[in-house]
N, C-alpha and C. Protein backbone atom coordinates (compact mmCIF):
# COMPACT_ATOMS: atom_id res chain seq x y z
N MET A 1 8.30 1.84 -40.32
CA MET A 1 7.91 2.86 -39.43
C MET A 1 6.73 2.36 -38.57
N SER A 2 6.71 2.71 -37.29
CA SER A 2 5.72 2.16 -36.41
C SER A 2 4.38 2.89 -36.66
N ARG A 3 3.33 2.28 -36.21
CA ARG A 3 2.01 2.88 -36.32
C ARG A 3 1.95 4.28 -35.73
N ARG A 4 2.64 4.41 -34.57
CA ARG A 4 2.64 5.66 -33.91
C ARG A 4 3.35 6.70 -34.77
N GLY A 5 4.50 6.34 -35.37
CA GLY A 5 5.24 7.25 -36.21
C GLY A 5 4.48 7.75 -37.41
N ILE A 6 3.66 6.76 -38.04
CA ILE A 6 2.81 7.14 -39.16
C ILE A 6 1.73 8.07 -38.70
N GLY A 7 1.15 7.81 -37.58
CA GLY A 7 0.09 8.72 -37.08
C GLY A 7 0.59 10.11 -36.80
N THR A 8 1.79 10.21 -36.23
CA THR A 8 2.39 11.47 -35.89
C THR A 8 2.69 12.24 -37.15
N SER A 9 3.26 11.51 -38.12
CA SER A 9 3.56 12.20 -39.47
C SER A 9 2.32 12.69 -40.12
N LEU A 10 1.30 11.86 -40.10
CA LEU A 10 0.04 12.28 -40.74
C LEU A 10 -0.58 13.48 -39.99
N ALA A 11 -0.51 13.51 -38.72
CA ALA A 11 -1.06 14.67 -37.93
C ALA A 11 -0.30 15.95 -38.29
N LEU A 12 1.09 15.86 -38.48
CA LEU A 12 1.82 17.03 -38.77
C LEU A 12 1.46 17.53 -40.19
N VAL A 13 1.30 16.59 -41.15
CA VAL A 13 0.98 17.04 -42.50
C VAL A 13 -0.41 17.66 -42.48
N LEU A 14 -1.35 17.11 -41.85
CA LEU A 14 -2.76 17.70 -41.76
C LEU A 14 -2.69 19.05 -41.07
N ALA A 15 -1.91 19.21 -40.00
CA ALA A 15 -1.87 20.49 -39.30
C ALA A 15 -1.24 21.56 -40.20
N ALA A 16 -0.20 21.17 -40.92
CA ALA A 16 0.50 22.16 -41.81
C ALA A 16 -0.53 22.60 -42.90
N GLY A 17 -1.23 21.56 -43.52
CA GLY A 17 -2.23 21.90 -44.55
C GLY A 17 -3.31 22.82 -44.05
N SER A 18 -3.80 22.58 -42.80
CA SER A 18 -4.83 23.40 -42.28
C SER A 18 -4.34 24.81 -42.06
N LEU A 19 -3.12 25.01 -41.54
CA LEU A 19 -2.63 26.33 -41.36
C LEU A 19 -2.50 27.08 -42.66
N SER A 20 -2.05 26.40 -43.71
CA SER A 20 -1.90 27.10 -45.00
C SER A 20 -3.22 27.45 -45.62
N VAL A 21 -4.26 26.66 -45.33
CA VAL A 21 -5.61 26.99 -45.84
C VAL A 21 -6.10 28.19 -45.08
N LEU A 22 -5.99 28.21 -43.74
CA LEU A 22 -6.45 29.28 -42.89
C LEU A 22 -5.73 30.60 -43.23
N ALA A 23 -4.41 30.52 -43.53
CA ALA A 23 -3.64 31.72 -43.84
C ALA A 23 -4.16 32.38 -45.15
N GLY A 24 -4.70 31.55 -46.02
CA GLY A 24 -5.16 32.14 -47.30
C GLY A 24 -6.64 32.55 -47.28
N CYS A 25 -7.25 32.49 -46.19
CA CYS A 25 -8.72 32.78 -46.09
C CYS A 25 -9.08 34.11 -45.60
N SER A 26 -8.14 34.96 -45.35
CA SER A 26 -8.38 36.30 -44.85
C SER A 26 -9.16 37.05 -45.91
N SER A 27 -10.22 37.78 -45.48
CA SER A 27 -11.07 38.40 -46.52
C SER A 27 -10.75 39.92 -46.58
N ALA A 28 -10.39 40.54 -45.51
CA ALA A 28 -10.05 41.96 -45.55
C ALA A 28 -8.74 42.19 -44.87
N ASP A 29 -7.75 42.69 -45.60
CA ASP A 29 -6.45 42.90 -45.05
C ASP A 29 -5.82 44.08 -45.81
N ASP A 30 -4.49 44.14 -45.76
CA ASP A 30 -3.83 45.22 -46.42
C ASP A 30 -3.77 45.02 -47.95
N GLY A 31 -4.25 43.92 -48.38
CA GLY A 31 -4.43 43.76 -49.87
C GLY A 31 -3.28 42.99 -50.55
N ASN A 32 -2.27 42.52 -49.82
CA ASN A 32 -1.17 41.87 -50.50
C ASN A 32 -1.52 40.38 -50.69
N GLY A 33 -1.49 39.92 -51.90
CA GLY A 33 -1.79 38.53 -52.20
C GLY A 33 -3.29 38.40 -52.56
N GLY A 34 -3.61 37.21 -52.96
CA GLY A 34 -4.98 36.90 -53.33
C GLY A 34 -5.35 35.51 -52.92
N THR A 35 -6.54 35.30 -52.34
CA THR A 35 -6.93 34.00 -51.86
C THR A 35 -7.37 33.07 -52.99
N GLY A 36 -7.69 33.62 -54.14
CA GLY A 36 -8.16 32.76 -55.19
C GLY A 36 -7.46 33.11 -56.49
N GLY A 37 -6.64 34.13 -56.53
CA GLY A 37 -6.10 34.62 -57.80
C GLY A 37 -4.63 34.49 -57.88
N GLY A 38 -4.02 33.66 -57.12
CA GLY A 38 -2.57 33.50 -57.27
C GLY A 38 -1.81 34.45 -56.31
N ALA A 39 -0.64 34.87 -56.71
CA ALA A 39 0.21 35.69 -55.83
C ALA A 39 0.29 37.12 -56.28
N GLU A 40 -0.78 37.68 -56.78
CA GLU A 40 -0.77 39.06 -57.22
C GLU A 40 -0.49 39.97 -56.04
N ASP A 41 0.14 41.05 -56.27
CA ASP A 41 0.35 42.07 -55.24
C ASP A 41 -0.63 43.21 -55.48
N TYR A 42 -1.41 43.44 -54.47
CA TYR A 42 -2.40 44.50 -54.58
C TYR A 42 -1.91 45.67 -53.72
N PRO A 43 -2.29 46.95 -54.11
CA PRO A 43 -1.83 48.11 -53.34
C PRO A 43 -2.34 48.14 -51.93
N SER A 44 -1.67 48.83 -51.09
CA SER A 44 -2.07 49.04 -49.70
C SER A 44 -3.51 49.66 -49.70
N GLY A 45 -4.31 49.12 -48.87
CA GLY A 45 -5.69 49.62 -48.77
C GLY A 45 -6.67 48.79 -49.52
N ALA A 46 -6.21 47.84 -50.34
CA ALA A 46 -7.09 46.97 -51.12
C ALA A 46 -7.85 46.07 -50.19
N VAL A 47 -9.09 45.77 -50.57
CA VAL A 47 -9.93 44.88 -49.71
C VAL A 47 -10.31 43.66 -50.56
N ARG A 48 -10.04 42.49 -50.01
CA ARG A 48 -10.36 41.23 -50.73
C ARG A 48 -11.75 40.75 -50.23
N LEU A 49 -12.61 40.57 -51.22
CA LEU A 49 -14.00 40.13 -50.88
C LEU A 49 -14.15 38.71 -51.35
N ARG A 50 -14.26 37.77 -50.41
CA ARG A 50 -14.56 36.40 -50.74
C ARG A 50 -16.02 36.21 -51.07
N GLN A 51 -16.25 35.47 -52.11
CA GLN A 51 -17.61 35.28 -52.62
C GLN A 51 -18.60 34.87 -51.54
N ASN A 52 -19.69 35.53 -51.43
CA ASN A 52 -20.82 35.28 -50.49
C ASN A 52 -20.42 35.52 -49.00
N VAL A 53 -19.32 36.22 -48.71
CA VAL A 53 -18.89 36.52 -47.34
C VAL A 53 -18.97 38.02 -47.12
N PRO A 54 -19.94 38.51 -46.29
CA PRO A 54 -19.97 39.92 -46.06
C PRO A 54 -18.64 40.43 -45.36
N THR A 55 -18.05 41.51 -45.94
CA THR A 55 -16.80 41.98 -45.48
C THR A 55 -16.89 43.40 -45.03
N PRO A 56 -16.69 43.72 -43.72
CA PRO A 56 -16.76 45.11 -43.30
C PRO A 56 -15.53 45.91 -43.70
N TRP A 57 -15.73 47.15 -44.06
CA TRP A 57 -14.69 48.13 -44.31
C TRP A 57 -15.18 49.48 -43.90
N GLN A 58 -14.54 50.10 -42.91
CA GLN A 58 -14.97 51.31 -42.25
C GLN A 58 -16.42 51.11 -41.88
N ASP A 59 -17.32 51.96 -42.27
CA ASP A 59 -18.78 51.84 -41.89
C ASP A 59 -19.56 51.06 -42.89
N TYR A 60 -18.97 50.57 -44.01
CA TYR A 60 -19.62 49.93 -45.05
C TYR A 60 -19.46 48.39 -44.91
N THR A 61 -20.31 47.64 -45.59
CA THR A 61 -20.16 46.19 -45.70
C THR A 61 -20.24 45.85 -47.15
N PHE A 62 -19.28 45.08 -47.68
CA PHE A 62 -19.20 44.64 -49.04
C PHE A 62 -19.46 43.13 -49.11
N THR A 63 -20.16 42.67 -50.17
CA THR A 63 -20.22 41.25 -50.42
C THR A 63 -20.18 41.06 -51.91
N ALA A 64 -19.20 40.08 -52.29
CA ALA A 64 -19.04 39.72 -53.72
C ALA A 64 -20.01 38.59 -53.98
N ILE A 65 -20.80 38.80 -55.08
CA ILE A 65 -21.73 37.70 -55.50
C ILE A 65 -21.74 37.53 -56.97
N ASN A 66 -22.30 36.39 -57.42
CA ASN A 66 -22.51 36.13 -58.92
C ASN A 66 -21.26 36.37 -59.73
N LEU A 67 -20.13 35.77 -59.32
CA LEU A 67 -18.89 35.85 -60.06
C LEU A 67 -18.91 34.95 -61.28
N GLU A 68 -18.59 35.44 -62.41
CA GLU A 68 -18.55 34.67 -63.69
C GLU A 68 -17.48 35.30 -64.55
N GLY A 69 -16.43 34.56 -64.83
CA GLY A 69 -15.33 35.07 -65.60
C GLY A 69 -14.67 36.26 -64.81
N HIS A 70 -14.55 37.38 -65.50
CA HIS A 70 -14.02 38.58 -64.84
C HIS A 70 -15.05 39.60 -64.51
N ARG A 71 -16.28 39.05 -64.25
CA ARG A 71 -17.36 39.92 -63.89
C ARG A 71 -17.99 39.42 -62.60
N GLY A 72 -18.69 40.32 -61.94
CA GLY A 72 -19.39 39.89 -60.74
C GLY A 72 -20.22 41.08 -60.21
N ILE A 73 -20.79 40.94 -59.03
CA ILE A 73 -21.61 41.94 -58.42
C ILE A 73 -21.01 42.19 -57.02
N VAL A 74 -20.79 43.51 -56.69
CA VAL A 74 -20.46 43.93 -55.38
C VAL A 74 -21.67 44.50 -54.72
N VAL A 75 -22.10 43.87 -53.62
CA VAL A 75 -23.23 44.45 -52.87
C VAL A 75 -22.65 45.45 -51.86
N VAL A 76 -23.04 46.69 -51.96
CA VAL A 76 -22.51 47.70 -51.06
C VAL A 76 -23.64 48.09 -50.09
N ALA A 77 -23.34 47.85 -48.77
CA ALA A 77 -24.30 48.22 -47.74
C ALA A 77 -23.69 49.40 -46.91
N PRO A 78 -24.31 50.60 -47.04
CA PRO A 78 -23.79 51.72 -46.35
C PRO A 78 -24.18 51.74 -44.92
N PRO A 79 -23.59 52.69 -44.16
CA PRO A 79 -24.03 52.87 -42.79
C PRO A 79 -25.53 53.35 -42.79
N GLY A 80 -26.30 52.86 -41.88
CA GLY A 80 -27.71 53.27 -41.83
C GLY A 80 -28.65 52.30 -42.49
N GLY A 81 -28.10 51.24 -43.19
CA GLY A 81 -28.98 50.29 -43.78
C GLY A 81 -29.17 50.41 -45.26
N GLY A 82 -29.87 49.47 -45.88
CA GLY A 82 -30.10 49.36 -47.27
C GLY A 82 -28.81 48.77 -47.97
N HIS A 83 -28.93 48.60 -49.29
CA HIS A 83 -27.81 48.12 -50.03
C HIS A 83 -28.00 48.49 -51.54
N THR A 84 -26.89 48.42 -52.27
CA THR A 84 -26.91 48.62 -53.72
C THR A 84 -26.11 47.52 -54.35
N ASN A 85 -26.65 46.88 -55.40
CA ASN A 85 -25.93 45.86 -56.16
C ASN A 85 -25.19 46.61 -57.28
N VAL A 86 -23.85 46.48 -57.35
CA VAL A 86 -23.05 47.13 -58.38
C VAL A 86 -22.40 46.11 -59.26
N PRO A 87 -22.83 45.95 -60.53
CA PRO A 87 -22.20 45.07 -61.46
C PRO A 87 -20.75 45.59 -61.77
N VAL A 88 -19.78 44.73 -61.73
CA VAL A 88 -18.39 45.14 -61.89
C VAL A 88 -17.63 44.17 -62.83
N THR A 89 -16.57 44.74 -63.40
CA THR A 89 -15.64 43.96 -64.18
C THR A 89 -14.28 44.42 -63.75
N SER A 90 -13.33 43.52 -63.87
CA SER A 90 -11.89 43.90 -63.49
C SER A 90 -11.52 45.16 -64.20
N GLY A 91 -10.93 46.12 -63.52
CA GLY A 91 -10.48 47.36 -64.09
C GLY A 91 -11.47 48.55 -64.00
N ASP A 92 -12.75 48.18 -63.64
CA ASP A 92 -13.73 49.21 -63.49
C ASP A 92 -13.44 50.14 -62.37
N THR A 93 -14.07 51.32 -62.46
CA THR A 93 -14.21 52.24 -61.25
C THR A 93 -15.70 52.37 -61.04
N ALA A 94 -16.14 52.10 -59.84
CA ALA A 94 -17.56 51.98 -59.56
C ALA A 94 -17.92 52.94 -58.43
N ALA A 95 -19.17 53.28 -58.30
CA ALA A 95 -19.62 54.15 -57.21
C ALA A 95 -21.02 53.70 -56.75
N ALA A 96 -21.24 53.74 -55.44
CA ALA A 96 -22.49 53.46 -54.87
C ALA A 96 -22.62 54.04 -53.46
N ASP A 97 -23.72 54.56 -53.12
CA ASP A 97 -24.00 55.03 -51.75
C ASP A 97 -22.93 55.94 -51.23
N GLY A 98 -22.46 56.87 -52.04
CA GLY A 98 -21.51 57.90 -51.59
C GLY A 98 -20.00 57.38 -51.52
N LEU A 99 -19.79 56.22 -52.07
CA LEU A 99 -18.43 55.66 -52.07
C LEU A 99 -18.05 55.21 -53.41
N SER A 100 -16.77 55.52 -53.87
CA SER A 100 -16.34 54.99 -55.10
C SER A 100 -15.16 54.02 -54.83
N PHE A 101 -14.97 53.07 -55.74
CA PHE A 101 -13.92 52.12 -55.59
C PHE A 101 -13.45 51.60 -56.93
N GLU A 102 -12.21 51.23 -56.97
CA GLU A 102 -11.63 50.61 -58.17
C GLU A 102 -11.68 49.15 -58.01
N VAL A 103 -12.05 48.43 -59.09
CA VAL A 103 -12.10 46.95 -59.08
C VAL A 103 -10.76 46.52 -59.61
N LEU A 104 -9.89 45.95 -58.73
CA LEU A 104 -8.56 45.50 -59.08
C LEU A 104 -8.57 44.14 -59.74
N ASP A 105 -9.42 43.24 -59.29
CA ASP A 105 -9.43 41.85 -59.73
C ASP A 105 -10.78 41.18 -59.48
N VAL A 106 -11.14 40.30 -60.39
CA VAL A 106 -12.34 39.47 -60.19
C VAL A 106 -11.82 38.03 -60.56
N VAL A 107 -11.93 37.11 -59.59
CA VAL A 107 -11.48 35.75 -59.83
C VAL A 107 -12.66 34.80 -59.58
N GLU A 108 -13.12 34.16 -60.63
CA GLU A 108 -14.24 33.26 -60.46
C GLU A 108 -13.80 32.01 -59.73
N GLY A 109 -14.60 31.56 -58.81
CA GLY A 109 -14.25 30.38 -57.99
C GLY A 109 -15.05 29.14 -58.45
N GLY A 110 -14.81 28.10 -57.68
CA GLY A 110 -15.53 26.82 -57.97
C GLY A 110 -16.83 26.87 -57.33
N ASP A 111 -17.71 25.96 -57.68
CA ASP A 111 -19.13 25.94 -57.19
C ASP A 111 -19.13 25.14 -55.89
N GLY A 112 -19.14 25.88 -54.80
CA GLY A 112 -19.18 25.21 -53.47
C GLY A 112 -20.48 25.34 -52.78
N GLY A 113 -21.48 25.89 -53.43
CA GLY A 113 -22.82 26.07 -52.83
C GLY A 113 -23.07 27.46 -52.41
N ASP A 114 -24.15 27.72 -51.71
CA ASP A 114 -24.56 29.10 -51.35
C ASP A 114 -24.16 29.50 -50.00
N GLN A 115 -23.58 28.60 -49.19
CA GLN A 115 -23.14 28.93 -47.82
C GLN A 115 -22.02 29.95 -47.83
N PRO A 116 -21.99 30.88 -46.90
CA PRO A 116 -20.94 31.84 -46.83
C PRO A 116 -19.57 31.16 -46.72
N GLY A 117 -18.62 31.44 -47.50
CA GLY A 117 -17.32 30.87 -47.43
C GLY A 117 -17.11 29.56 -48.22
N ALA A 118 -18.24 29.03 -48.75
CA ALA A 118 -18.18 27.76 -49.44
C ALA A 118 -17.60 27.87 -50.85
N MET A 119 -17.75 29.07 -51.43
CA MET A 119 -17.19 29.24 -52.79
C MET A 119 -15.92 30.05 -52.64
N ASP A 120 -14.93 29.84 -53.56
CA ASP A 120 -13.71 30.46 -53.39
C ASP A 120 -13.41 31.54 -54.39
N GLY A 121 -14.47 32.21 -54.92
CA GLY A 121 -14.34 33.35 -55.86
C GLY A 121 -13.86 34.57 -55.00
N LEU A 122 -13.41 35.57 -55.74
CA LEU A 122 -12.79 36.68 -55.06
C LEU A 122 -12.96 37.96 -55.93
N ILE A 123 -13.30 39.02 -55.28
CA ILE A 123 -13.23 40.33 -55.98
C ILE A 123 -12.35 41.21 -55.05
N VAL A 124 -11.38 41.92 -55.65
CA VAL A 124 -10.49 42.80 -54.93
C VAL A 124 -10.81 44.23 -55.29
N ILE A 125 -11.07 45.03 -54.33
CA ILE A 125 -11.44 46.46 -54.61
C ILE A 125 -10.50 47.38 -53.83
N LEU A 126 -10.41 48.62 -54.35
CA LEU A 126 -9.63 49.60 -53.68
C LEU A 126 -10.55 50.78 -53.45
N PRO A 127 -11.15 50.88 -52.27
CA PRO A 127 -12.11 52.01 -51.95
C PRO A 127 -11.34 53.32 -51.81
N GLU A 128 -11.95 54.40 -52.20
CA GLU A 128 -11.41 55.71 -51.98
C GLU A 128 -11.76 56.16 -50.55
N SER A 129 -10.76 56.45 -49.77
CA SER A 129 -10.98 56.87 -48.38
C SER A 129 -11.51 58.21 -48.29
């Protein structure tokens, strides 16, 4: 194979890998699938919170922090400011700042540092509308 052919093949492999990584990085969607927890199916309306990445939902902002095993903390920031740290475990129903939500999944990620998006942990919640 020529050098040009090897370079083209490598570029295609890298592009395909980048697209698959980007496709798995969505933090708030309809809840189908999990970016860190395999191929679980979550109900419609579920919100995936990537560790250390603020995720808006309606007028609230959620952030998943301190994931360890099947436990973590969801930081709930309501409209108007302030925030509440809510310790959660998979299967919990939690409430903060006038909103309740079910914790569908907590997936501990690897240690990627403190930068937003560097860690791949995940908490999946189902807020009550």
